[in-house]
C-alpha cells in the first residue's frame, strides 16, 4: 500500500501503533496496536462509531491491551508491519476502492480489522 493513499488520520494511527509497539518492546506492529491507536485517536471517528453500536471503550481497550501484551517481544531491530496488519491494510484499500474513495480512511481500517479473524478479543 502506498502511504500517499492514506488520510492524515490513518497515517497518524499507524504512527501511533508503531509507537505503542515500541513501548511494549515489540518489533512487529500488529492489529491490536492499530486498534488501540484508532480508539485513542483525538477527533477520530472510530470510537464514536463503536460506541454507537454499544461497544464499551474500557472493555475493548482492556482486551486489546491484553492481546498486544501477548505478542512477542524483541530487543533491538527496526519496527515493521506484521503480516496481519499488512493484510488489513490491503483489505482497507479494497474497501476504499469498492466505495470509490481515493484515500484509505480510519473507517476503512476499522472495516478491515473487523473483518479479520486475526484480531479477536473478548469484551
PDB file of N, CA and C in Angstrom:
ATOM      1  N   UNK A   1       0.843  -1.178   0.000  1.00  0.00           N
ATOM      2  CA  UNK A   1       0.000   0.000   0.000  1.00  0.00           C
ATOM      3  C   UNK A   1       0.885   1.237   0.000  1.00  0.00           C
ATOM      4  N   UNK A   2       0.472   2.210  -0.761  1.00  0.00           N
ATOM      5  CA  UNK A   2       1.220   3.460  -0.861  1.00  0.00           C
ATOM      6  C   UNK A   2       0.790   4.409   0.257  1.00  0.00           C
ATOM      7  N   UNK A   3       1.762   4.928   1.031  1.00  0.00           N
ATOM      8  CA  UNK A   3       1.415   5.839   2.130  1.00  0.00           C
ATOM      9  C   UNK A   3       0.646   7.077   1.685  1.00  0.00           C
ATOM     10  N   UNK A   4       0.845   7.505   0.445  1.00  0.00           N
ATOM     11  CA  UNK A   4       0.136   8.700  -0.025  1.00  0.00           C
ATOM     12  C   UNK A   4      -1.347   8.421  -0.292  1.00  0.00           C
ATOM     13  N   UNK A   5      -1.758   7.167  -0.168  1.00  0.00           N
ATOM     14  CA  UNK A   5      -3.173   6.807  -0.323  1.00  0.00           C
ATOM     15  C   UNK A   5      -3.902   6.762   1.021  1.00  0.00           C
ATOM     16  N   UNK A   6      -3.194   7.116   2.099  1.00  0.00           N
ATOM     17  CA  UNK A   6      -3.786   7.135   3.432  1.00  0.00           C
ATOM     18  C   UNK A   6      -4.183   8.553   3.806  1.00  0.00           C
ATOM     19  N   UNK A   7      -5.302   8.689   4.513  1.00  0.00           N
ATOM     20  CA  UNK A   7      -5.670  10.006   5.031  1.00  0.00           C
ATOM     21  C   UNK A   7      -4.701  10.367   6.156  1.00  0.00           C
ATOM     22  N   UNK A   8      -4.710  11.624   6.547  1.00  0.00           N
ATOM     23  CA  UNK A   8      -3.848  12.075   7.637  1.00  0.00           C
ATOM     24  C   UNK A   8      -4.130  11.284   8.914  1.00  0.00           C
ATOM     25  N   UNK A   9      -5.401  11.084   9.234  1.00  0.00           N
ATOM     26  CA  UNK A   9      -5.772  10.337  10.442  1.00  0.00           C
ATOM     27  C   UNK A   9      -5.287   8.885  10.364  1.00  0.00           C
ATOM     28  N   UNK A  10      -5.327   8.286   9.192  1.00  0.00           N
ATOM     29  CA  UNK A  10      -4.841   6.913   9.033  1.00  0.00           C
ATOM     30  C   UNK A  10      -3.336   6.853   9.242  1.00  0.00           C
ATOM     31  N   UNK A  11      -2.615   7.819   8.685  1.00  0.00           N
ATOM     32  CA  UNK A  11      -1.161   7.869   8.887  1.00  0.00           C
ATOM     33  C   UNK A  11      -0.833   8.066  10.363  1.00  0.00           C
ATOM     34  N   UNK A  12      -1.586   8.938  11.026  1.00  0.00           N
ATOM     35  CA  UNK A  12      -1.371   9.167  12.461  1.00  0.00           C
ATOM     36  C   UNK A  12      -1.620   7.891  13.255  1.00  0.00           C
ATOM     37  N   UNK A  13      -2.668   7.169  12.911  1.00  0.00           N
ATOM     38  CA  UNK A  13      -2.984   5.925  13.621  1.00  0.00           C
ATOM     39  C   UNK A  13      -1.865   4.901  13.450  1.00  0.00           C
ATOM     40  N   UNK A  14      -1.322   4.782  12.252  1.00  0.00           N
ATOM     41  CA  UNK A  14      -0.225   3.841  12.025  1.00  0.00           C
ATOM     42  C   UNK A  14       1.027   4.260  12.787  1.00  0.00           C
ATOM     43  N   UNK A  15       1.303   5.559  12.831  1.00  0.00           N
ATOM     44  CA  UNK A  15       2.455   6.054  13.592  1.00  0.00           C
ATOM     45  C   UNK A  15       2.260   5.791  15.085  1.00  0.00           C
ATOM     46  N   UNK A  16       1.047   6.008  15.572  1.00  0.00           N
ATOM     47  CA  UNK A  16       0.751   5.743  16.984  1.00  0.00           C
ATOM     48  C   UNK A  16       0.850   4.250  17.292  1.00  0.00           C
ATOM     49  N   UNK A  17       0.413   3.415  16.364  1.00  0.00           N
ATOM     50  CA  UNK A  17       0.513   1.965  16.541  1.00  0.00           C
ATOM     51  C   UNK A  17       1.979   1.540  16.621  1.00  0.00           C
ATOM     52  N   UNK A  18       2.810   2.141  15.790  1.00  0.00           N
ATOM     53  CA  UNK A  18       4.244   1.845  15.816  1.00  0.00           C
ATOM     54  C   UNK A  18       4.844   2.256  17.158  1.00  0.00           C
ATOM     55  N   UNK A  19       4.461   3.416  17.641  1.00  0.00           N
ATOM     56  CA  UNK A  19       4.966   3.901  18.922  1.00  0.00           C
ATOM     57  C   UNK A  19       4.521   2.976  20.064  1.00  0.00           C
ATOM     58  N   UNK A  20       3.287   2.537  20.020  1.00  0.00           N
ATOM     59  CA  UNK A  20       2.777   1.634  21.048  1.00  0.00           C
ATOM     60  C   UNK A  20       3.543   0.314  21.040  1.00  0.00           C
ATOM     61  N   UNK A  21       3.774  -0.240  19.862  1.00  0.00           N
ATOM     62  CA  UNK A  21       4.538  -1.486  19.765  1.00  0.00           C
ATOM     63  C   UNK A  21       5.934  -1.298  20.359  1.00  0.00           C
ATOM     64  N   UNK A  22       6.565  -0.175  20.061  1.00  0.00           N
ATOM     65  CA  UNK A  22       7.901   0.102  20.594  1.00  0.00           C
ATOM     66  C   UNK A  22       7.868   0.205  22.120  1.00  0.00           C
ATOM     67  N   UNK A  23       6.846   0.860  22.655  1.00  0.00           N
ATOM     68  CA  UNK A  23       6.719   0.984  24.110  1.00  0.00           C
ATOM     69  C   UNK A  23       6.570  -0.378  24.779  1.00  0.00           C
ATOM     70  N   UNK A  24       5.959  -1.311  24.080  1.00  0.00           N
ATOM     71  CA  UNK A  24       5.758  -2.657  24.615  1.00  0.00           C
ATOM     72  C   UNK A  24       6.944  -3.577  24.326  1.00  0.00           C
ATOM     73  N   UNK A  25       7.982  -3.048  23.674  1.00  0.00           N
ATOM     74  CA  UNK A  25       9.160  -3.842  23.353  1.00  0.00           C
ATOM     75  C   UNK A  25       8.924  -4.821  22.224  1.00  0.00           C
ATOM     76  N   UNK A  26       8.020  -4.472  21.326  1.00  0.00           N
ATOM     77  CA  UNK A  26       7.674  -5.358  20.223  1.00  0.00           C
ATOM     78  C   UNK A  26       8.118  -4.749  18.900  1.00  0.00           C
ATOM     79  N   UNK A  27       8.678  -5.581  18.077  1.00  0.00           N
ATOM     80  CA  UNK A  27       9.186  -5.129  16.791  1.00  0.00           C
ATOM     81  C   UNK A  27       8.085  -5.098  15.732  1.00  0.00           C
ATOM     82  N   UNK A  28       7.210  -6.089  15.750  1.00  0.00           N
ATOM     83  CA  UNK A  28       6.139  -6.175  14.754  1.00  0.00           C
ATOM     84  C   UNK A  28       4.948  -5.335  15.199  1.00  0.00           C
ATOM     85  N   UNK A  29       4.441  -4.522  14.297  1.00  0.00           N
ATOM     86  CA  UNK A  29       3.241  -3.724  14.544  1.00  0.00           C
ATOM     87  C   UNK A  29       2.070  -4.559  14.037  1.00  0.00           C
ATOM     88  N   UNK A  30       1.148  -4.870  14.939  1.00  0.00           N
ATOM     89  CA  UNK A  30       0.053  -5.775  14.602  1.00  0.00           C
ATOM     90  C   UNK A  30      -1.305  -5.115  14.830  1.00  0.00           C
ATOM     91  N   UNK A  31      -2.369  -5.860  14.579  1.00  0.00           N
ATOM     92  CA  UNK A  31      -3.733  -5.334  14.663  1.00  0.00           C
ATOM     93  C   UNK A  31      -4.110  -4.768  16.032  1.00  0.00           C
ATOM     94  N   UNK A  32      -3.745  -5.411  17.146  1.00  0.00           N
ATOM     95  CA  UNK A  32      -4.102  -4.793  18.434  1.00  0.00           C
ATOM     96  C   UNK A  32      -3.489  -3.404  18.620  1.00  0.00           C
ATOM     97  N   UNK A  33      -2.270  -3.219  18.138  1.00  0.00           N
ATOM     98  CA  UNK A  33      -1.632  -1.900  18.222  1.00  0.00           C
ATOM     99  C   UNK A  33      -2.436  -0.872  17.419  1.00  0.00           C
ATOM    100  N   UNK A  34      -2.838  -1.254  16.212  1.00  0.00           N
ATOM    101  CA  UNK A  34      -3.602  -0.336  15.365  1.00  0.00           C
ATOM    102  C   UNK A  34      -4.953  -0.011  15.991  1.00  0.00           C
ATOM    103  N   UNK A  35      -5.648  -1.023  16.487  1.00  0.00           N
ATOM    104  CA  UNK A  35      -6.965  -0.763  17.083  1.00  0.00           C
ATOM    105  C   UNK A  35      -6.859   0.123  18.315  1.00  0.00           C
ATOM    106  N   UNK A  36      -5.839  -0.086  19.135  1.00  0.00           N
ATOM    107  CA  UNK A  36      -5.642   0.792  20.294  1.00  0.00           C
ATOM    108  C   UNK A  36      -5.398   2.220  19.836  1.00  0.00           C
ATOM    109  N   UNK A  37      -4.593   2.377  18.802  1.00  0.00           N
ATOM    110  CA  UNK A  37      -4.319   3.716  18.273  1.00  0.00           C
ATOM    111  C   UNK A  37      -5.597   4.359  17.738  1.00  0.00           C
ATOM    112  N   UNK A  38      -6.410   3.589  17.038  1.00  0.00           N
ATOM    113  CA  UNK A  38      -7.663   4.124  16.498  1.00  0.00           C
ATOM    114  C   UNK A  38      -8.627   4.515  17.614  1.00  0.00           C
ATOM    115  N   UNK A  39      -8.693   3.708  18.668  1.00  0.00           N
ATOM    116  CA  UNK A  39      -9.581   4.005  19.794  1.00  0.00           C
ATOM    117  C   UNK A  39      -9.180   5.285  20.521  1.00  0.00           C
ATOM    118  N   UNK A  40      -7.882   5.509  20.620  1.00  0.00           N
ATOM    119  CA  UNK A  40      -7.367   6.640  21.398  1.00  0.00           C
ATOM    120  C   UNK A  40      -7.229   7.920  20.580  1.00  0.00           C
ATOM    121  N   UNK A  41      -7.497   7.851  19.306  1.00  0.00           N
ATOM    122  CA  UNK A  41      -7.267   8.986  18.416  1.00  0.00           C
ATOM    123  C   UNK A  41      -8.185  10.165  18.744  1.00  0.00           C
ATOM    124  N   UNK A  42      -7.564  11.311  19.005  1.00  0.00           N
ATOM    125  CA  UNK A  42      -8.315  12.535  19.277  1.00  0.00           C
ATOM    126  C   UNK A  42      -9.032  12.986  18.009  1.00  0.00           C
ATOM    127  N   UNK A  43     -10.320  13.246  18.125  1.00  0.00           N
ATOM    128  CA  UNK A  43     -11.082  13.715  16.975  1.00  0.00           C
ATOM    129  C   UNK A  43     -11.350  12.655  15.929  1.00  0.00           C
ATOM    130  N   UNK A  44     -11.087  11.399  16.268  1.00  0.00           N
ATOM    131  CA  UNK A  44     -11.309  10.316  15.320  1.00  0.00           C
ATOM    132  C   UNK A  44     -12.763   9.871  15.295  1.00  0.00           C
ATOM    133  N   UNK A  45     -13.094   9.069  14.319  1.00  0.00           N
ATOM    134  CA  UNK A  45     -14.474   8.593  14.170  1.00  0.00           C
ATOM    135  C   UNK A  45     -14.672   7.166  14.668  1.00  0.00           C
ATOM    136  N   UNK A  46     -13.591   6.443  14.907  1.00  0.00           N
ATOM    137  CA  UNK A  46     -13.710   5.032  15.274  1.00  0.00           C
ATOM    138  C   UNK A  46     -14.405   4.858  16.619  1.00  0.00           C
ATOM    139  N   UNK A  47     -13.961   5.558  17.643  1.00  0.00           N
ATOM    140  CA  UNK A  47     -14.585   5.407  18.959  1.00  0.00           C
ATOM    141  C   UNK A  47     -16.067   5.777  18.936  1.00  0.00           C
ATOM    142  N   UNK A  48     -16.455   6.920  18.361  1.00  0.00           N
ATOM    143  CA  UNK A  48     -17.887   7.223  18.298  1.00  0.00           C
ATOM    144  C   UNK A  48     -18.700   6.161  17.538  1.00  0.00           C
ATOM    145  N   UNK A  49     -18.133   5.615  16.465  1.00  0.00           N
ATOM    146  CA  UNK A  49     -18.830   4.556  15.719  1.00  0.00           C
ATOM    147  C   UNK A  49     -19.033   3.318  16.587  1.00  0.00           C
ATOM    148  N   UNK A  50     -17.995   2.920  17.285  1.00  0.00           N
ATOM    149  CA  UNK A  50     -18.096   1.735  18.130  1.00  0.00           C
ATOM    150  C   UNK A  50     -19.050   1.960  19.296  1.00  0.00           C
ATOM    151  N   UNK A  51     -19.017   3.152  19.870  1.00  0.00           N
ATOM    152  CA  UNK A  51     -19.930   3.459  20.972  1.00  0.00           C
ATOM    153  C   UNK A  51     -21.385   3.436  20.506  1.00  0.00           C
ATOM    154  N   UNK A  52     -21.619   3.849  19.266  1.00  0.00           N
ATOM    155  CA  UNK A  52     -22.982   3.837  18.715  1.00  0.00           C
ATOM    156  C   UNK A  52     -23.566   2.437  18.633  1.00  0.00           C
ATOM    157  N   UNK A  53     -22.712   1.457  18.455  1.00  0.00           N
ATOM    158  CA  UNK A  53     -23.206   0.081  18.368  1.00  0.00           C
ATOM    159  C   UNK A  53     -23.084  -0.646  19.708  1.00  0.00           C
ATOM    160  N   UNK A  54     -22.792   0.105  20.762  1.00  0.00           N
ATOM    161  CA  UNK A  54     -22.807  -0.463  22.102  1.00  0.00           C
ATOM    162  C   UNK A  54     -21.497  -1.005  22.632  1.00  0.00           C
ATOM    163  N   UNK A  55     -20.405  -0.750  21.940  1.00  0.00           N
ATOM    164  CA  UNK A  55     -19.106  -1.217  22.417  1.00  0.00           C
ATOM    165  C   UNK A  55     -18.629  -0.288  23.534  1.00  0.00           C
ATOM    166  N   UNK A  56     -18.223  -0.888  24.641  1.00  0.00           N
ATOM    167  CA  UNK A  56     -17.692  -0.099  25.751  1.00  0.00           C
ATOM    168  C   UNK A  56     -16.190   0.069  25.572  1.00  0.00           C
ATOM    169  N   UNK A  57     -15.741   1.313  25.553  1.00  0.00           N
ATOM    170  CA  UNK A  57     -14.334   1.606  25.307  1.00  0.00           C
ATOM    171  C   UNK A  57     -13.425   0.898  26.301  1.00  0.00           C
ATOM    172  N   UNK A  58     -13.762   0.959  27.578  1.00  0.00           N
ATOM    173  CA  UNK A  58     -12.896   0.380  28.606  1.00  0.00           C
ATOM    174  C   UNK A  58     -12.707  -1.117  28.399  1.00  0.00           C
ATOM    175  N   UNK A  59     -13.795  -1.803  28.098  1.00  0.00           N
ATOM    176  CA  UNK A  59     -13.727  -3.252  27.906  1.00  0.00           C
ATOM    177  C   UNK A  59     -12.899  -3.603  26.677  1.00  0.00           C
ATOM    178  N   UNK A  60     -13.160  -2.914  25.579  1.00  0.00           N
ATOM    179  CA  UNK A  60     -12.416  -3.198  24.353  1.00  0.00           C
ATOM    180  C   UNK A  60     -10.945  -2.847  24.514  1.00  0.00           C
ATOM    181  N   UNK A  61     -10.679  -1.699  25.120  1.00  0.00           N
ATOM    182  CA  UNK A  61      -9.285  -1.291  25.302  1.00  0.00           C
ATOM    183  C   UNK A  61      -8.539  -2.286  26.192  1.00  0.00           C
ATOM    184  N   UNK A  62      -9.193  -2.763  27.245  1.00  0.00           N
ATOM    185  CA  UNK A  62      -8.562  -3.763  28.112  1.00  0.00           C
ATOM    186  C   UNK A  62      -8.240  -5.047  27.364  1.00  0.00           C
ATOM    187  N   UNK A  63      -9.162  -5.500  26.535  1.00  0.00           N
ATOM    188  CA  UNK A  63      -8.940  -6.714  25.744  1.00  0.00           C
ATOM    189  C   UNK A  63      -7.823  -6.519  24.727  1.00  0.00           C
ATOM    190  N   UNK A  64      -7.795  -5.347  24.107  1.00  0.00           N
ATOM    191  CA  UNK A  64      -6.745  -5.067  23.124  1.00  0.00           C
ATOM    192  C   UNK A  64      -5.372  -4.966  23.782  1.00  0.00           C
ATOM    193  N   UNK A  65      -5.319  -4.358  24.966  1.00  0.00           N
ATOM    194  CA  UNK A  65      -4.046  -4.277  25.699  1.00  0.00           C
ATOM    195  C   UNK A  65      -3.542  -5.678  26.032  1.00  0.00           C
ATOM    196  N   UNK A  66      -4.448  -6.542  26.468  1.00  0.00           N
ATOM    197  CA  UNK A  66      -4.066  -7.916  26.790  1.00  0.00           C
ATOM    198  C   UNK A  66      -3.574  -8.650  25.541  1.00  0.00           C
ATOM    199  N   UNK A  67      -4.263  -8.455  24.421  1.00  0.00           N
ATOM    200  CA  UNK A  67      -3.842  -9.094  23.167  1.00  0.00           C
ATOM    201  C   UNK A  67      -2.474  -8.582  22.730  1.00  0.00           C
ATOM    202  N   UNK A  68      -2.251  -7.285  22.861  1.00  0.00           N
ATOM    203  CA  UNK A  68      -0.956  -6.706  22.485  1.00  0.00           C
ATOM    204  C   UNK A  68       0.150  -7.223  23.399  1.00  0.00           C
ATOM    205  N   UNK A  69      -0.142  -7.369  24.678  1.00  0.00           N
ATOM    206  CA  UNK A  69       0.865  -7.837  25.634  1.00  0.00           C
ATOM    207  C   UNK A  69       1.294  -9.275  25.350  1.00  0.00           C
ATOM    208  N   UNK A  70       0.426 -10.061  24.721  1.00  0.00           N
ATOM    209  CA  UNK A  70       0.756 -11.458  24.399  1.00  0.00           C
ATOM    210  C   UNK A  70       1.639 -11.587  23.157  1.00  0.00           C
ATOM    211  N   UNK A  71       1.796 -10.518  22.413  1.00  0.00           N
ATOM    212  CA  UNK A  71       2.620 -10.580  21.198  1.00  0.00           C
ATOM    213  C   UNK A  71       4.098 -10.689  21.584  1.00  0.00           C
ATOM    214  N   UNK A  72       4.916 -11.308  20.723  1.00  0.00           N
ATOM    215  CA  UNK A  72       6.333 -11.498  21.048  1.00  0.00           C
ATOM    216  C   UNK A  72       7.075 -10.175  21.252  1.00  0.00           C
ATOM    217  N   UNK A  73       7.989 -10.204  22.221  1.00  0.00           N
ATOM    218  CA  UNK A  73       8.842  -9.047  22.481  1.00  0.00           C
ATOM    219  C   UNK A  73      10.209  -9.320  21.865  1.00  0.00           C
ATOM    220  N   UNK A  74      10.789  -8.292  21.253  1.00  0.00           N
ATOM    221  CA  UNK A  74      12.085  -8.423  20.603  1.00  0.00           C
ATOM    222  C   UNK A  74      12.918  -7.210  20.970  1.00  0.00           C
ATOM    223  N   UNK A  75      14.133  -7.447  21.432  1.00  0.00           N
ATOM    224  CA  UNK A  75      15.020  -6.337  21.770  1.00  0.00           C
ATOM    225  C   UNK A  75      15.774  -5.897  20.521  1.00  0.00           C
ATOM    226  N   UNK A  76      15.790  -4.582  20.292  1.00  0.00           N
ATOM    227  CA  UNK A  76      16.514  -4.039  19.146  1.00  0.00           C
ATOM    228  C   UNK A  76      15.786  -4.294  17.842  1.00  0.00           C
ATOM    229  N   UNK A  77      16.419  -3.899  16.785  1.00  0.00           N
ATOM    230  CA  UNK A  77      15.825  -4.106  15.471  1.00  0.00           C
ATOM    231  C   UNK A  77      14.864  -3.008  15.086  1.00  0.00           C
ATOM    232  N   UNK A  78      14.609  -2.930  13.815  1.00  0.00           N
ATOM    233  CA  UNK A  78      13.701  -1.918  13.275  1.00  0.00           C
ATOM    234  C   UNK A  78      12.262  -2.410  13.342  1.00  0.00           C
ATOM    235  N   UNK A  79      11.337  -1.508  13.649  1.00  0.00           N
ATOM    236  CA  UNK A  79       9.929  -1.911  13.640  1.00  0.00           C
ATOM    237  C   UNK A  79       9.463  -2.199  12.209  1.00  0.00           C
ATOM    238  N   UNK A  80       8.529  -3.108  12.093  1.00  0.00           N
ATOM    239  CA  UNK A  80       7.975  -3.437  10.781  1.00  0.00           C
ATOM    240  C   UNK A  80       6.503  -3.798  10.937  1.00  0.00           C
ATOM    241  N   UNK A  81       5.772  -3.731   9.847  1.00  0.00           N
ATOM    242  CA  UNK A  81       4.367  -4.113   9.853  1.00  0.00           C
ATOM    243  C   UNK A  81       4.266  -5.627   9.840  1.00  0.00           C
ATOM    244  N   UNK A  82       3.569  -6.154  10.826  1.00  0.00           N
ATOM    245  CA  UNK A  82       3.354  -7.588  10.880  1.00  0.00           C
ATOM    246  C   UNK A  82       2.441  -8.037   9.748  1.00  0.00           C
ATOM    247  N   UNK A  83       2.407  -9.326   9.527  1.00  0.00           N
ATOM    248  CA  UNK A  83       1.631  -9.851   8.399  1.00  0.00           C
ATOM    249  C   UNK A  83       0.138  -9.564   8.538  1.00  0.00           C
ATOM    250  N   UNK A  84      -0.394  -9.627   9.771  1.00  0.00           N
ATOM    251  CA  UNK A  84      -1.824  -9.364   9.936  1.00  0.00           C
ATOM    252  C   UNK A  84      -2.156  -7.904   9.661  1.00  0.00           C
ATOM    253  N   UNK A  85      -1.276  -7.009  10.068  1.00  0.00           N
ATOM    254  CA  UNK A  85      -1.502  -5.587   9.799  1.00  0.00           C
ATOM    255  C   UNK A  85      -1.379  -5.310   8.307  1.00  0.00           C
ATOM    256  N   UNK A  86      -0.382  -5.894   7.680  1.00  0.00           N
ATOM    257  CA  UNK A  86      -0.205  -5.697   6.244  1.00  0.00           C
ATOM    258  C   UNK A  86      -1.431  -6.190   5.475  1.00  0.00           C
ATOM    259  N   UNK A  87      -1.950  -7.345   5.878  1.00  0.00           N
ATOM    260  CA  UNK A  87      -3.149  -7.889   5.229  1.00  0.00           C
ATOM    261  C   UNK A  87      -4.339  -6.961   5.440  1.00  0.00           C
ATOM    262  N   UNK A  88      -4.468  -6.410   6.648  1.00  0.00           N
ATOM    263  CA  UNK A  88      -5.575  -5.490   6.942  1.00  0.00           C
ATOM    264  C   UNK A  88      -5.465  -4.216   6.108  1.00  0.00           C
ATOM    265  N   UNK A  89      -4.254  -3.737   5.891  1.00  0.00           N
ATOM    266  CA  UNK A  89      -4.076  -2.539   5.065  1.00  0.00           C
ATOM    267  C   UNK A  89      -4.499  -2.802   3.624  1.00  0.00           C
ATOM    268  N   UNK A  90      -4.162  -3.974   3.122  1.00  0.00           N
ATOM    269  CA  UNK A  90      -4.592  -4.338   1.765  1.00  0.00           C
ATOM    270  C   UNK A  90      -6.114  -4.438   1.693  1.00  0.00           C
ATOM    271  N   UNK A  91      -6.712  -5.010   2.734  1.00  0.00           N
ATOM    272  CA  UNK A  91      -8.168  -5.131   2.791  1.00  0.00           C
ATOM    273  C   UNK A  91      -8.817  -3.748   2.887  1.00  0.00           C
ATOM    274  N   UNK A  92      -8.218  -2.855   3.658  1.00  0.00           N
ATOM    275  CA  UNK A  92      -8.739  -1.490   3.785  1.00  0.00           C
ATOM    276  C   UNK A  92      -8.702  -0.779   2.432  1.00  0.00           C
ATOM    277  N   UNK A  93      -7.644  -1.025   1.662  1.00  0.00           N
ATOM    278  CA  UNK A  93      -7.552  -0.436   0.328  1.00  0.00           C
ATOM    279  C   UNK A  93      -8.678  -0.959  -0.565  1.00  0.00           C
ATOM    280  N   UNK A  94      -8.994  -2.244  -0.432  1.00  0.00           N
ATOM    281  CA  UNK A  94     -10.102  -2.819  -1.209  1.00  0.00           C
ATOM    282  C   UNK A  94     -11.427  -2.156  -0.835  1.00  0.00           C
ATOM    283  N   UNK A  95     -11.633  -1.940   0.471  1.00  0.00           N
ATOM    284  CA  UNK A  95     -12.862  -1.266   0.920  1.00  0.00           C
ATOM    285  C   UNK A  95     -12.940   0.137   0.323  1.00  0.00           C
ATOM    286  N   UNK A  96     -11.829   0.849   0.348  1.00  0.00           N
ATOM    287  CA  UNK A  96     -11.808   2.205  -0.208  1.00  0.00           C
ATOM    288  C   UNK A  96     -12.129   2.169  -1.701  1.00  0.00           C
ATOM    289  N   UNK A  97     -11.537   1.214  -2.410  1.00  0.00           N
ATOM    290  CA  UNK A  97     -11.793   1.091  -3.846  1.00  0.00           C
ATOM    291  C   UNK A  97     -13.267   0.773  -4.123  1.00  0.00           C
ATOM    292  N   UNK A  98     -13.842  -0.143  -3.334  1.00  0.00           N
ATOM    293  CA  UNK A  98     -15.249  -0.514  -3.520  1.00  0.00           C
ATOM    294  C   UNK A  98     -16.179   0.675  -3.272  1.00  0.00           C
ATOM    295  N   UNK A  99     -15.780   1.531  -2.350  1.00  0.00           N
ATOM    296  CA  UNK A  99     -16.595   2.707  -2.028  1.00  0.00           C
ATOM    297  C   UNK A  99     -16.248   3.903  -2.913  1.00  0.00           C
ATOM    298  N   UNK A 100     -15.354   3.657  -3.851  1.00  0.00           N
ATOM    299  CA  UNK A 100     -14.887   4.685  -4.779  1.00  0.00           C
ATOM    300  C   UNK A 100     -14.292   5.887  -4.042  1.00  0.00           C
ATOM    301  N   UNK A 101     -13.579   5.590  -2.950  1.00  0.00           N
ATOM    302  CA  UNK A 101     -12.858   6.620  -2.207  1.00  0.00           C
ATOM    303  C   UNK A 101     -11.418   6.651  -2.694  1.00  0.00           C
ATOM    304  N   UNK A 102     -10.864   7.830  -2.793  1.00  0.00           N
ATOM    305  CA  UNK A 102      -9.492   7.982  -3.265  1.00  0.00           C
ATOM    306  C   UNK A 102      -8.470   7.625  -2.199  1.00  0.00           C
ATOM    307  N   UNK A 103      -8.857   7.749  -0.930  1.00  0.00           N
ATOM    308  CA  UNK A 103      -7.920   7.548   0.171  1.00  0.00           C
ATOM    309  C   UNK A 103      -8.458   6.522   1.157  1.00  0.00           C
ATOM    310  N   UNK A 104      -7.544   5.856   1.847  1.00  0.00           N
ATOM    311  CA  UNK A 104      -7.903   4.898   2.887  1.00  0.00           C
ATOM    312  C   UNK A 104      -8.052   5.671   4.191  1.00  0.00           C
ATOM    313  N   UNK A 105      -9.272   5.676   4.711  1.00  0.00           N
ATOM    314  CA  UNK A 105      -9.566   6.411   5.943  1.00  0.00           C
ATOM    315  C   UNK A 105      -9.562   5.456   7.136  1.00  0.00           C
ATOM    316  N   UNK A 106      -9.713   6.020   8.319  1.00  0.00           N
ATOM    317  CA  UNK A 106      -9.770   5.192   9.522  1.00  0.00           C
ATOM    318  C   UNK A 106     -10.996   4.284   9.506  1.00  0.00           C
ATOM    319  N   UNK A 107     -12.062   4.708   8.851  1.00  0.00           N
ATOM    320  CA  UNK A 107     -13.240   3.852   8.725  1.00  0.00           C
ATOM    321  C   UNK A 107     -12.916   2.597   7.920  1.00  0.00           C
ATOM    322  N   UNK A 108     -12.148   2.761   6.859  1.00  0.00           N
ATOM    323  CA  UNK A 108     -11.738   1.606   6.055  1.00  0.00           C
ATOM    324  C   UNK A 108     -10.840   0.683   6.880  1.00  0.00           C
ATOM    325  N   UNK A 109      -9.958   1.280   7.690  1.00  0.00           N
ATOM    326  CA  UNK A 109      -9.098   0.472   8.556  1.00  0.00           C
ATOM    327  C   UNK A 109      -9.943  -0.322   9.549  1.00  0.00           C
ATOM    328  N   UNK A 110     -10.941   0.327  10.132  1.00  0.00           N
ATOM    329  CA  UNK A 110     -11.822  -0.350  11.086  1.00  0.00           C
ATOM    330  C   UNK A 110     -12.553  -1.513  10.416  1.00  0.00           C
ATOM    331  N   UNK A 111     -13.084  -1.294   9.228  1.00  0.00           N
ATOM    332  CA  UNK A 111     -13.769  -2.371   8.499  1.00  0.00           C
ATOM    333  C   UNK A 111     -12.833  -3.552   8.250  1.00  0.00           C
ATOM    334  N   UNK A 112     -11.602  -3.251   7.876  1.00  0.00           N
ATOM    335  CA  UNK A 112     -10.634  -4.312   7.585  1.00  0.00           C
ATOM    336  C   UNK A 112     -10.271  -5.088   8.846  1.00  0.00           C
ATOM    337  N   UNK A 113     -10.076  -4.384   9.952  1.00  0.00           N
ATOM    338  CA  UNK A 113      -9.746  -5.066  11.208  1.00  0.00           C
ATOM    339  C   UNK A 113     -10.933  -5.901  11.668  1.00  0.00           C
ATOM    340  N   UNK A 114     -12.134  -5.353  11.559  1.00  0.00           N
ATOM    341  CA  UNK A 114     -13.335  -6.077  11.981  1.00  0.00           C
ATOM    342  C   UNK A 114     -13.525  -7.356  11.167  1.00  0.00           C
ATOM    343  N   UNK A 115     -13.135  -7.331   9.911  1.00  0.00           N
ATOM    344  CA  UNK A 115     -13.290  -8.497   9.042  1.00  0.00           C
ATOM    345  C   UNK A 115     -12.197  -9.540   9.261  1.00  0.00           C
ATOM    346  N   UNK A 116     -11.137  -9.153   9.949  1.00  0.00           N
ATOM    347  CA  UNK A 116     -10.009 -10.055  10.145  1.00  0.00           C
ATOM    348  C   UNK A 116     -10.289 -11.049  11.264  1.00  0.00           C
ATOM    349  N   UNK A 117      -9.943 -12.290  11.021  1.00  0.00           N
ATOM    350  CA  UNK A 117     -10.078 -13.305  12.067  1.00  0.00           C
ATOM    351  C   UNK A 117      -8.872 -13.287  12.996  1.00  0.00           C
ATOM    352  N   UNK A 118      -7.885 -12.464  12.692  1.00  0.00           N
ATOM    353  CA  UNK A 118      -6.644 -12.414  13.466  1.00  0.00           C
ATOM    354  C   UNK A 118      -6.692 -11.416  14.610  1.00  0.00           C
ATOM    355  N   UNK A 119      -7.786 -10.692  14.745  1.00  0.00           N
ATOM    356  CA  UNK A 119      -7.891  -9.706  15.826  1.00  0.00           C
ATOM    357  C   UNK A 119      -9.146  -9.973  16.637  1.00  0.00           C
ATOM    358  N   UNK A 120      -9.214 -11.169  17.191  1.00  0.00           N
ATOM    359  CA  UNK A 120     -10.377 -11.481  18.018  1.00  0.00           C
ATOM    360  C   UNK A 120     -10.023 -11.206  19.469  1.00  0.00           C
ATOM    361  N   UNK A 121     -10.871 -10.415  20.104  1.00  0.00           N
ATOM    362  CA  UNK A 121     -10.690 -10.106  21.518  1.00  0.00           C
ATOM    363  C   UNK A 121     -12.022 -10.328  22.213  1.00  0.00           C
ATOM    364  N   UNK A 122     -11.953 -10.609  23.483  1.00  0.00           N
ATOM    365  CA  UNK A 122     -13.178 -10.794  24.258  1.00  0.00           C
ATOM    366  C   UNK A 122     -13.517  -9.500  24.955  1.00  0.00           C
ATOM    367  N   UNK A 123     -14.780  -9.075  24.830  1.00  0.00           N
ATOM    368  CA  UNK A 123     -15.222  -7.861  25.514  1.00  0.00           C
ATOM    369  C   UNK A 123     -16.326  -8.187  26.484  1.00  0.00           C
TER     370      UNK A 123
END
